[in-house]
C-alpha atoms as a PDB file:
ATOM      1  CA  MET A   1      90.202  98.242  51.725  1.00  0.00           C
ATOM      2  CA  LYS A   2      90.148  95.963  48.700  1.00  0.00           C
ATOM      3  CA  THR A   3      86.561  95.023  49.550  1.00  0.00           C
ATOM      4  CA  ILE A   4      85.443  98.644  49.839  1.00  0.00           C
ATOM      5  CA  LEU A   5      86.981  99.627  46.499  1.00  0.00           C
ATOM      6  CA  GLY A   6      85.560  96.465  44.898  1.00  0.00           C
ATOM      7  CA  LEU A   7      82.104  97.405  46.159  1.00  0.00           C
ATOM      8  CA  ALA A   8      82.530 100.965  44.845  1.00  0.00           C
ATOM      9  CA  GLU A   9      83.553  99.576  41.433  1.00  0.00           C
ATOM     10  CA  TYR A  10      80.529  97.244  41.421  1.00  0.00           C
ATOM     11  CA  VAL A  11      78.151 100.123  42.196  1.00  0.00           C
ATOM     12  CA  TRP A  12      79.846 102.321  39.568  1.00  0.00           C
ATOM     13  CA  ASN A  13      79.260  99.677  36.877  1.00  0.00           C
ATOM     14  CA  ILE A  14      75.548  99.059  37.526  1.00  0.00           C
ATOM     15  CA  LYS A  15      73.888  99.561  34.121  1.00  0.00           C
ATOM     16  CA  PHE A  16      70.805 101.556  35.182  1.00  0.00           C
ATOM     17  CA  LEU A  17      73.068 104.141  36.874  1.00  0.00           C
ATOM     18  CA  LYS A  18      74.840 104.904  33.595  1.00  0.00           C
ATOM     19  CA  GLY A  19      73.350 108.369  33.115  1.00  0.00           C
ATOM     20  CA  TYR A  20      73.727 109.311  36.766  1.00  0.00           C
ATOM     21  CA  ARG A  21      77.272 108.157  37.610  1.00  0.00           C
ATOM     22  CA  SER A  22      78.906 111.572  37.665  1.00  0.00           C
ATOM     23  CA  LEU A  23      76.053 113.002  39.734  1.00  0.00           C
ATOM     24  CA  ILE A  24      76.312 110.115  42.207  1.00  0.00           C
ATOM     25  CA  ALA A  25      80.083 110.580  42.472  1.00  0.00           C
ATOM     26  CA  ARG A  26      79.756 114.327  43.090  1.00  0.00           C
ATOM     27  CA  VAL A  27      77.009 113.834  45.691  1.00  0.00           C
ATOM     28  CA  PHE A  28      79.088 111.146  47.384  1.00  0.00           C
ATOM     29  CA  LEU A  29      82.198 113.341  47.498  1.00  0.00           C
ATOM     30  CA  ILE A  30      80.274 116.301  48.900  1.00  0.00           C
ATOM     31  CA  GLY A  31      78.372 114.153  51.387  1.00  0.00           C
ATOM     32  CA  VAL A  32      81.405 112.309  52.718  1.00  0.00           C
ATOM     33  CA  SER A  33      83.408 115.528  52.968  1.00  0.00           C
ATOM     34  CA  ALA A  34      80.574 117.277  54.808  1.00  0.00           C
ATOM     35  CA  TYR A  35      80.162 114.328  57.185  1.00  0.00           C
ATOM     36  CA  GLN A  36      83.895 114.252  57.901  1.00  0.00           C
ATOM     37  CA  TRP A  37      83.898 118.001  58.548  1.00  0.00           C
ATOM     38  CA  VAL A  38      80.883 117.876  60.889  1.00  0.00           C
ATOM     39  CA  SER A  39      82.315 114.941  62.815  1.00  0.00           C
ATOM     40  CA  THR A  40      85.732 116.593  63.343  1.00  0.00           C
ATOM     41  CA  ALA A  41      85.239 120.402  63.313  1.00  0.00           C
ATOM     42  CA  ALA A  42      85.864 122.087  66.678  1.00  0.00           C
ATOM     43  CA  PRO A  43      82.951 124.598  66.440  1.00  0.00           C
ATOM     44  CA  LEU A  44      80.556 121.726  65.778  1.00  0.00           C
ATOM     45  CA  ALA A  45      81.900 119.430  68.484  1.00  0.00           C
ATOM     46  CA  PHE A  46      78.528 119.413  70.211  1.00  0.00           C
ATOM     47  CA  LEU A  47      76.958 117.954  67.029  1.00  0.00           C
ATOM     48  CA  GLY A  48      79.778 115.726  65.913  1.00  0.00           C
ATOM     49  CA  SER A  49      80.777 114.292  69.246  1.00  0.00           C
ATOM     50  CA  LYS A  50      78.488 111.327  68.715  1.00  0.00           C
ATOM     51  CA  LEU A  51      79.419 110.800  65.046  1.00  0.00           C
ATOM     52  CA  PRO A  52      82.180 108.296  64.364  1.00  0.00           C
ATOM     53  CA  ASP A  53      85.055 109.463  62.195  1.00  0.00           C
ATOM     54  CA  ILE A  54      85.601 107.839  58.827  1.00  0.00           C
ATOM     55  CA  PRO A  55      89.010 106.141  58.951  1.00  0.00           C
ATOM     56  CA  ASN A  56      91.519 108.190  56.938  1.00  0.00           C
ATOM     57  CA  GLU A  57      92.505 105.229  54.771  1.00  0.00           C
ATOM     58  CA  VAL A  58      88.906 104.669  53.703  1.00  0.00           C
ATOM     59  CA  TYR A  59      88.176 108.379  53.260  1.00  0.00           C
ATOM     60  CA  VAL A  60      91.245 109.050  51.129  1.00  0.00           C
ATOM     61  CA  ALA A  61      90.786 105.910  49.034  1.00  0.00           C
ATOM     62  CA  LEU A  62      87.135 106.629  48.240  1.00  0.00           C
ATOM     63  CA  VAL A  63      87.721 110.307  47.496  1.00  0.00           C
ATOM     64  CA  ALA A  64      90.608 109.394  45.185  1.00  0.00           C
ATOM     65  CA  TYR A  65      88.549 106.635  43.520  1.00  0.00           C
ATOM     66  CA  PHE A  66      85.568 108.851  42.748  1.00  0.00           C
ATOM     67  CA  GLY A  67      87.820 111.765  41.798  1.00  0.00           C
ATOM     68  CA  LEU A  68      89.565 109.586  39.216  1.00  0.00           C
ATOM     69  CA  LYS A  69      86.219 108.310  37.933  1.00  0.00           C
ATOM     70  CA  LEU A  70      85.008 111.896  37.473  1.00  0.00           C
ATOM     71  CA  GLU A  71      88.222 112.813  35.671  1.00  0.00           C
ATOM     72  CA  HIS A  72      87.806 109.801  33.368  1.00  0.00           C
ATOM     73  CA  PHE A  73      84.171 110.773  32.728  1.00  0.00           C
ATOM     74  CA  ALA A  74      85.200 114.353  31.904  1.00  0.00           C
ATOM     75  CA  LYS A  75      87.814 113.168  29.406  1.00  0.00           C
ATOM     76  CA  GLU A  76      85.285 110.905  27.676  1.00  0.00           C
ATOM     77  CA  HIS A  77      82.629 113.624  27.446  1.00  0.00           C
ATOM     78  CA  GLN A  78      84.525 116.681  26.267  1.00  0.00           C
ATOM     79  CA  PRO A  79      82.393 119.063  24.230  1.00  0.00           C
ATOM     80  CA  THR A  80      83.206 119.273  20.547  1.00  0.00           C
ATOM     81  CA  PRO A  81      84.116 122.744  19.241  1.00  0.00           C
END
């Protein structure tokens, strides 16, 4: 788990991604959530039966990590009245 979060932190801090970090985080959150839903939803069992589940520890940790990064980004970039 420490390795996965370390890798996420490394990717987050890559300089040329600076203007795209919040977009990347949102796309990641939507993509991982959609994948998890497709791989576990009963109506889509015929599609997701061959997809491996993301372990809950990894899923929750990454969603929390990127959620906190987006919250931090939003606090830093509040519009001025």
